[in-house]
């Protein structure tokens, strides 16, 4: 999934792009996408946020985004 697609989902759910989300919302977005599409996007979200200098929390062990 492209970052632009993730941005659209993030905006529809939280009113912010992936970069504009809080760390917990970034986790919730990754979990939502994993549950609805089956696609693991955590690494893509984390990389995009890290490139922007934003800290993103590590997902809980064995969670759907792990």
PDB file of N, CA and C in Angstrom:
ATOM      1  N   UNK A   1       0.848  -1.168   0.000  1.00  0.00           N
ATOM      2  CA  UNK A   1       0.000   0.000   0.000  1.00  0.00           C
ATOM      3  C   UNK A   1       0.899   1.239   0.000  1.00  0.00           C
ATOM      4  N   UNK A   2       0.526   2.214  -0.822  1.00  0.00           N
ATOM      5  CA  UNK A   2       1.301   3.446  -0.934  1.00  0.00           C
ATOM      6  C   UNK A   2       1.015   4.371   0.252  1.00  0.00           C
ATOM      7  N   UNK A   3       1.995   5.226   0.528  1.00  0.00           N
ATOM      8  CA  UNK A   3       1.841   6.184   1.616  1.00  0.00           C
ATOM      9  C   UNK A   3       0.656   7.112   1.354  1.00  0.00           C
ATOM     10  N   UNK A   4       0.415   7.445   0.109  1.00  0.00           N
ATOM     11  CA  UNK A   4      -0.727   8.316  -0.209  1.00  0.00           C
ATOM     12  C   UNK A   4      -2.046   7.648   0.155  1.00  0.00           C
ATOM     13  N   UNK A   5      -2.130   6.334  -0.023  1.00  0.00           N
ATOM     14  CA  UNK A   5      -3.330   5.592   0.375  1.00  0.00           C
ATOM     15  C   UNK A   5      -3.469   5.568   1.889  1.00  0.00           C
ATOM     16  N   UNK A   6      -2.353   5.392   2.568  1.00  0.00           N
ATOM     17  CA  UNK A   6      -2.375   5.406   4.029  1.00  0.00           C
ATOM     18  C   UNK A   6      -2.774   6.790   4.542  1.00  0.00           C
ATOM     19  N   UNK A   7      -2.294   7.830   3.869  1.00  0.00           N
ATOM     20  CA  UNK A   7      -2.687   9.189   4.248  1.00  0.00           C
ATOM     21  C   UNK A   7      -4.200   9.380   4.125  1.00  0.00           C
ATOM     22  N   UNK A   8      -4.787   8.876   3.054  1.00  0.00           N
ATOM     23  CA  UNK A   8      -6.233   9.001   2.859  1.00  0.00           C
ATOM     24  C   UNK A   8      -7.005   8.302   3.973  1.00  0.00           C
ATOM     25  N   UNK A   9      -6.549   7.112   4.353  1.00  0.00           N
ATOM     26  CA  UNK A   9      -7.205   6.369   5.433  1.00  0.00           C
ATOM     27  C   UNK A   9      -7.039   7.123   6.753  1.00  0.00           C
ATOM     28  N   UNK A  10      -5.823   7.611   7.004  1.00  0.00           N
ATOM     29  CA  UNK A  10      -5.545   8.346   8.245  1.00  0.00           C
ATOM     30  C   UNK A  10      -6.411   9.602   8.334  1.00  0.00           C
ATOM     31  N   UNK A  11      -6.547  10.310   7.237  1.00  0.00           N
ATOM     32  CA  UNK A  11      -7.372  11.521   7.231  1.00  0.00           C
ATOM     33  C   UNK A  11      -8.833  11.180   7.491  1.00  0.00           C
ATOM     34  N   UNK A  12      -9.307  10.091   6.886  1.00  0.00           N
ATOM     35  CA  UNK A  12     -10.712   9.717   7.094  1.00  0.00           C
ATOM     36  C   UNK A  12     -10.978   9.270   8.528  1.00  0.00           C
ATOM     37  N   UNK A  13      -9.998   8.645   9.169  1.00  0.00           N
ATOM     38  CA  UNK A  13     -10.183   8.162  10.538  1.00  0.00           C
ATOM     39  C   UNK A  13      -9.851   9.206  11.598  1.00  0.00           C
ATOM     40  N   UNK A  14      -8.752   9.931  11.397  1.00  0.00           N
ATOM     41  CA  UNK A  14      -8.226  10.795  12.455  1.00  0.00           C
ATOM     42  C   UNK A  14      -8.071  12.261  12.066  1.00  0.00           C
ATOM     43  N   UNK A  15      -8.325  12.599  10.804  1.00  0.00           N
ATOM     44  CA  UNK A  15      -8.226  13.978  10.371  1.00  0.00           C
ATOM     45  C   UNK A  15      -6.805  14.478  10.155  1.00  0.00           C
ATOM     46  N   UNK A  16      -5.835  13.580  10.098  1.00  0.00           N
ATOM     47  CA  UNK A  16      -4.424  13.939   9.913  1.00  0.00           C
ATOM     48  C   UNK A  16      -3.769  12.944   8.955  1.00  0.00           C
ATOM     49  N   UNK A  17      -2.688  13.372   8.312  1.00  0.00           N
ATOM     50  CA  UNK A  17      -1.896  12.455   7.503  1.00  0.00           C
ATOM     51  C   UNK A  17      -1.072  11.559   8.432  1.00  0.00           C
ATOM     52  N   UNK A  18      -0.388  10.592   7.861  1.00  0.00           N
ATOM     53  CA  UNK A  18       0.454   9.681   8.651  1.00  0.00           C
ATOM     54  C   UNK A  18       1.486  10.469   9.448  1.00  0.00           C
ATOM     55  N   UNK A  19       2.065  11.489   8.837  1.00  0.00           N
ATOM     56  CA  UNK A  19       3.080  12.300   9.506  1.00  0.00           C
ATOM     57  C   UNK A  19       2.461  13.150  10.605  1.00  0.00           C
ATOM     58  N   UNK A  20       1.220  13.538  10.465  1.00  0.00           N
ATOM     59  CA  UNK A  20       0.563  14.385  11.451  1.00  0.00           C
ATOM     60  C   UNK A  20      -0.020  13.647  12.635  1.00  0.00           C
ATOM     61  N   UNK A  21      -0.029  12.317  12.578  1.00  0.00           N
ATOM     62  CA  UNK A  21      -0.617  11.520  13.660  1.00  0.00           C
ATOM     63  C   UNK A  21       0.279  11.486  14.888  1.00  0.00           C
ATOM     64  N   UNK A  22      -0.349  11.297  16.039  1.00  0.00           N
ATOM     65  CA  UNK A  22       0.420  11.027  17.250  1.00  0.00           C
ATOM     66  C   UNK A  22       0.949   9.598  17.154  1.00  0.00           C
ATOM     67  N   UNK A  23       1.953   9.240  17.955  1.00  0.00           N
ATOM     68  CA  UNK A  23       2.485   7.881  17.898  1.00  0.00           C
ATOM     69  C   UNK A  23       1.417   6.800  18.123  1.00  0.00           C
ATOM     70  N   UNK A  24       0.500   7.025  19.050  1.00  0.00           N
ATOM     71  CA  UNK A  24      -0.518   6.005  19.317  1.00  0.00           C
ATOM     72  C   UNK A  24      -1.498   5.899  18.154  1.00  0.00           C
ATOM     73  N   UNK A  25      -1.819   7.022  17.542  1.00  0.00           N
ATOM     74  CA  UNK A  25      -2.707   6.978  16.378  1.00  0.00           C
ATOM     75  C   UNK A  25      -2.038   6.266  15.200  1.00  0.00           C
ATOM     76  N   UNK A  26      -0.727   6.417  15.071  1.00  0.00           N
ATOM     77  CA  UNK A  26       0.003   5.705  14.022  1.00  0.00           C
ATOM     78  C   UNK A  26      -0.119   4.194  14.230  1.00  0.00           C
ATOM     79  N   UNK A  27      -0.027   3.763  15.484  1.00  0.00           N
ATOM     80  CA  UNK A  27      -0.217   2.338  15.783  1.00  0.00           C
ATOM     81  C   UNK A  27      -1.638   1.895  15.455  1.00  0.00           C
ATOM     82  N   UNK A  28      -2.606   2.713  15.839  1.00  0.00           N
ATOM     83  CA  UNK A  28      -4.008   2.366  15.570  1.00  0.00           C
ATOM     84  C   UNK A  28      -4.285   2.293  14.078  1.00  0.00           C
ATOM     85  N   UNK A  29      -3.666   3.197  13.309  1.00  0.00           N
ATOM     86  CA  UNK A  29      -3.824   3.165  11.858  1.00  0.00           C
ATOM     87  C   UNK A  29      -3.270   1.860  11.293  1.00  0.00           C
ATOM     88  N   UNK A  30      -2.073   1.486  11.716  1.00  0.00           N
ATOM     89  CA  UNK A  30      -1.466   0.241  11.235  1.00  0.00           C
ATOM     90  C   UNK A  30      -2.329  -0.959  11.592  1.00  0.00           C
ATOM     91  N   UNK A  31      -2.876  -0.964  12.794  1.00  0.00           N
ATOM     92  CA  UNK A  31      -3.737  -2.061  13.223  1.00  0.00           C
ATOM     93  C   UNK A  31      -5.022  -2.087  12.399  1.00  0.00           C
ATOM     94  N   UNK A  32      -5.617  -0.919  12.157  1.00  0.00           N
ATOM     95  CA  UNK A  32      -6.839  -0.838  11.357  1.00  0.00           C
ATOM     96  C   UNK A  32      -6.607  -1.387   9.948  1.00  0.00           C
ATOM     97  N   UNK A  33      -5.522  -0.972   9.317  1.00  0.00           N
ATOM     98  CA  UNK A  33      -5.228  -1.424   7.955  1.00  0.00           C
ATOM     99  C   UNK A  33      -4.964  -2.927   7.943  1.00  0.00           C
ATOM    100  N   UNK A  34      -4.223  -3.420   8.923  1.00  0.00           N
ATOM    101  CA  UNK A  34      -3.943  -4.853   8.991  1.00  0.00           C
ATOM    102  C   UNK A  34      -5.228  -5.663   9.151  1.00  0.00           C
ATOM    103  N   UNK A  35      -6.153  -5.164   9.970  1.00  0.00           N
ATOM    104  CA  UNK A  35      -7.412  -5.886  10.185  1.00  0.00           C
ATOM    105  C   UNK A  35      -8.339  -5.815   8.978  1.00  0.00           C
ATOM    106  N   UNK A  36      -8.373  -4.671   8.287  1.00  0.00           N
ATOM    107  CA  UNK A  36      -9.324  -4.508   7.188  1.00  0.00           C
ATOM    108  C   UNK A  36      -8.802  -5.013   5.853  1.00  0.00           C
ATOM    109  N   UNK A  37      -7.483  -4.942   5.628  1.00  0.00           N
ATOM    110  CA  UNK A  37      -6.942  -5.373   4.337  1.00  0.00           C
ATOM    111  C   UNK A  37      -6.037  -6.596   4.444  1.00  0.00           C
ATOM    112  N   UNK A  38      -5.580  -6.875   5.655  1.00  0.00           N
ATOM    113  CA  UNK A  38      -4.652  -7.989   5.839  1.00  0.00           C
ATOM    114  C   UNK A  38      -3.214  -7.632   5.475  1.00  0.00           C
ATOM    115  N   UNK A  39      -2.998  -6.379   5.102  1.00  0.00           N
ATOM    116  CA  UNK A  39      -1.666  -5.947   4.695  1.00  0.00           C
ATOM    117  C   UNK A  39      -0.901  -5.361   5.880  1.00  0.00           C
ATOM    118  N   UNK A  40       0.282  -5.892   6.167  1.00  0.00           N
ATOM    119  CA  UNK A  40       1.085  -5.338   7.262  1.00  0.00           C
ATOM    120  C   UNK A  40       1.776  -4.054   6.798  1.00  0.00           C
ATOM    121  N   UNK A  41       1.343  -2.922   7.325  1.00  0.00           N
ATOM    122  CA  UNK A  41       1.877  -1.627   6.886  1.00  0.00           C
ATOM    123  C   UNK A  41       2.674  -0.925   7.972  1.00  0.00           C
ATOM    124  N   UNK A  42       2.867  -1.580   9.107  1.00  0.00           N
ATOM    125  CA  UNK A  42       3.556  -0.938  10.219  1.00  0.00           C
ATOM    126  C   UNK A  42       4.924  -0.399   9.804  1.00  0.00           C
ATOM    127  N   UNK A  43       5.715  -1.193   9.085  1.00  0.00           N
ATOM    128  CA  UNK A  43       7.063  -0.757   8.707  1.00  0.00           C
ATOM    129  C   UNK A  43       7.014   0.465   7.795  1.00  0.00           C
ATOM    130  N   UNK A  44       6.081   0.514   6.867  1.00  0.00           N
ATOM    131  CA  UNK A  44       5.942   1.661   5.973  1.00  0.00           C
ATOM    132  C   UNK A  44       5.596   2.923   6.758  1.00  0.00           C
ATOM    133  N   UNK A  45       4.659   2.805   7.689  1.00  0.00           N
ATOM    134  CA  UNK A  45       4.271   3.948   8.513  1.00  0.00           C
ATOM    135  C   UNK A  45       5.452   4.392   9.374  1.00  0.00           C
ATOM    136  N   UNK A  46       6.129   3.464   9.999  1.00  0.00           N
ATOM    137  CA  UNK A  46       7.259   3.777  10.867  1.00  0.00           C
ATOM    138  C   UNK A  46       8.389   4.445  10.091  1.00  0.00           C
ATOM    139  N   UNK A  47       8.717   3.922   8.904  1.00  0.00           N
ATOM    140  CA  UNK A  47       9.783   4.516   8.095  1.00  0.00           C
ATOM    141  C   UNK A  47       9.442   5.947   7.685  1.00  0.00           C
ATOM    142  N   UNK A  48       8.196   6.161   7.252  1.00  0.00           N
ATOM    143  CA  UNK A  48       7.780   7.501   6.830  1.00  0.00           C
ATOM    144  C   UNK A  48       7.882   8.482   7.993  1.00  0.00           C
ATOM    145  N   UNK A  49       7.451   8.061   9.162  1.00  0.00           N
ATOM    146  CA  UNK A  49       7.499   8.936  10.331  1.00  0.00           C
ATOM    147  C   UNK A  49       8.946   9.159  10.785  1.00  0.00           C
ATOM    148  N   UNK A  50       9.778   8.125  10.720  1.00  0.00           N
ATOM    149  CA  UNK A  50      11.183   8.276  11.116  1.00  0.00           C
ATOM    150  C   UNK A  50      11.908   9.237  10.185  1.00  0.00           C
ATOM    151  N   UNK A  51      11.605   9.170   8.869  1.00  0.00           N
ATOM    152  CA  UNK A  51      12.224  10.099   7.924  1.00  0.00           C
ATOM    153  C   UNK A  51      11.844  11.542   8.245  1.00  0.00           C
ATOM    154  N   UNK A  52      10.668  11.726   8.824  1.00  0.00           N
ATOM    155  CA  UNK A  52      10.210  13.071   9.199  1.00  0.00           C
ATOM    156  C   UNK A  52      10.703  13.467  10.591  1.00  0.00           C
ATOM    157  N   UNK A  53      11.487  12.598  11.232  1.00  0.00           N
ATOM    158  CA  UNK A  53      12.032  12.895  12.551  1.00  0.00           C
ATOM    159  C   UNK A  53      11.048  12.677  13.678  1.00  0.00           C
ATOM    160  N   UNK A  54      10.053  11.833  13.442  1.00  0.00           N
ATOM    161  CA  UNK A  54       9.027  11.570  14.457  1.00  0.00           C
ATOM    162  C   UNK A  54       9.223  10.205  15.078  1.00  0.00           C
ATOM    163  N   UNK A  55       9.154  10.161  16.381  1.00  0.00           N
ATOM    164  CA  UNK A  55       9.255   8.899  17.101  1.00  0.00           C
ATOM    165  C   UNK A  55       7.916   8.169  17.014  1.00  0.00           C
ATOM    166  N   UNK A  56       7.981   6.879  16.744  1.00  0.00           N
ATOM    167  CA  UNK A  56       6.780   6.050  16.703  1.00  0.00           C
ATOM    168  C   UNK A  56       7.004   4.874  17.646  1.00  0.00           C
ATOM    169  N   UNK A  57       6.055   4.649  18.516  1.00  0.00           N
ATOM    170  CA  UNK A  57       6.198   3.584  19.496  1.00  0.00           C
ATOM    171  C   UNK A  57       6.275   2.227  18.837  1.00  0.00           C
ATOM    172  N   UNK A  58       6.955   1.312  19.500  1.00  0.00           N
ATOM    173  CA  UNK A  58       7.050  -0.062  19.027  1.00  0.00           C
ATOM    174  C   UNK A  58       5.755  -0.774  19.372  1.00  0.00           C
ATOM    175  N   UNK A  59       5.194  -1.534  18.428  1.00  0.00           N
ATOM    176  CA  UNK A  59       3.941  -2.238  18.729  1.00  0.00           C
ATOM    177  C   UNK A  59       4.139  -3.309  19.798  1.00  0.00           C
ATOM    178  N   UNK A  60       3.068  -3.591  20.480  1.00  0.00           N
ATOM    179  CA  UNK A  60       3.074  -4.614  21.513  1.00  0.00           C
ATOM    180  C   UNK A  60       3.372  -5.984  20.888  1.00  0.00           C
ATOM    181  N   UNK A  61       4.172  -6.779  21.566  1.00  0.00           N
ATOM    182  CA  UNK A  61       4.543  -8.102  21.070  1.00  0.00           C
ATOM    183  C   UNK A  61       3.311  -8.950  20.785  1.00  0.00           C
ATOM    184  N   UNK A  62       3.277  -9.580  19.653  1.00  0.00           N
ATOM    185  CA  UNK A  62       2.194 -10.445  19.162  1.00  0.00           C
ATOM    186  C   UNK A  62       0.892  -9.687  18.874  1.00  0.00           C
ATOM    187  N   UNK A  63       0.939  -8.358  18.816  1.00  0.00           N
ATOM    188  CA  UNK A  63      -0.249  -7.615  18.406  1.00  0.00           C
ATOM    189  C   UNK A  63      -0.378  -7.765  16.883  1.00  0.00           C
ATOM    190  N   UNK A  64      -1.491  -7.286  16.335  1.00  0.00           N
ATOM    191  CA  UNK A  64      -1.693  -7.432  14.896  1.00  0.00           C
ATOM    192  C   UNK A  64      -0.719  -6.593  14.082  1.00  0.00           C
ATOM    193  N   UNK A  65      -0.104  -5.589  14.686  1.00  0.00           N
ATOM    194  CA  UNK A  65       0.872  -4.793  13.964  1.00  0.00           C
ATOM    195  C   UNK A  65       2.320  -5.234  14.216  1.00  0.00           C
ATOM    196  N   UNK A  66       2.534  -6.213  15.097  1.00  0.00           N
ATOM    197  CA  UNK A  66       3.866  -6.690  15.392  1.00  0.00           C
ATOM    198  C   UNK A  66       4.405  -7.354  14.158  1.00  0.00           C
TER     199      UNK A  66
END
